[in-house]
Amino acid sequence: DADRSSTSCALEQQNDEQLDDLESRIHTLRQISEDINSEVSDSNKLLGGMDSQFDKARGMLKGTMGRLNVMVQQGGPKRLCHLVAAVVVIFLLMWLVSRQLHPADLTLSEAASEPSSDT
């Protein structure tokens, strides 16, 4: 009978240890699921904001395209050529200004052609 009670005591202790381990794992899983829920909520808010920004941009682009179509129809091909030329000139000016503000680093071929100062 003493053997049975010691075995029973040992089994209860094992059960208690396993219950504590299970409780710890459940707590960890709950924390992970709460973190995931928080991350999903933040992502949904971000996506909602992006959606409204895209809708605004779509509306602006639609209005711009409408005005561009009216302008092209009123002015004919000559006005379209002027518009394309203006866009090209603006692009080139922006490119030149960006090159002046941010000069390109030496390329590998330029660096290889420079004399070495290791002497």
Foldseek 3Di string as FASTA:
>chain_A
DVVVVVVVVVVVVVVVVVVVVVVVVVVVVVVVVVVVVVVVVVVVVVVVVVVVVVVVVVVVVVVVVVVVVVVCVVPDPVVVVVVVVVVVVVVVVVVVVVCVVPPDDDDPVRVVPDDDPPD
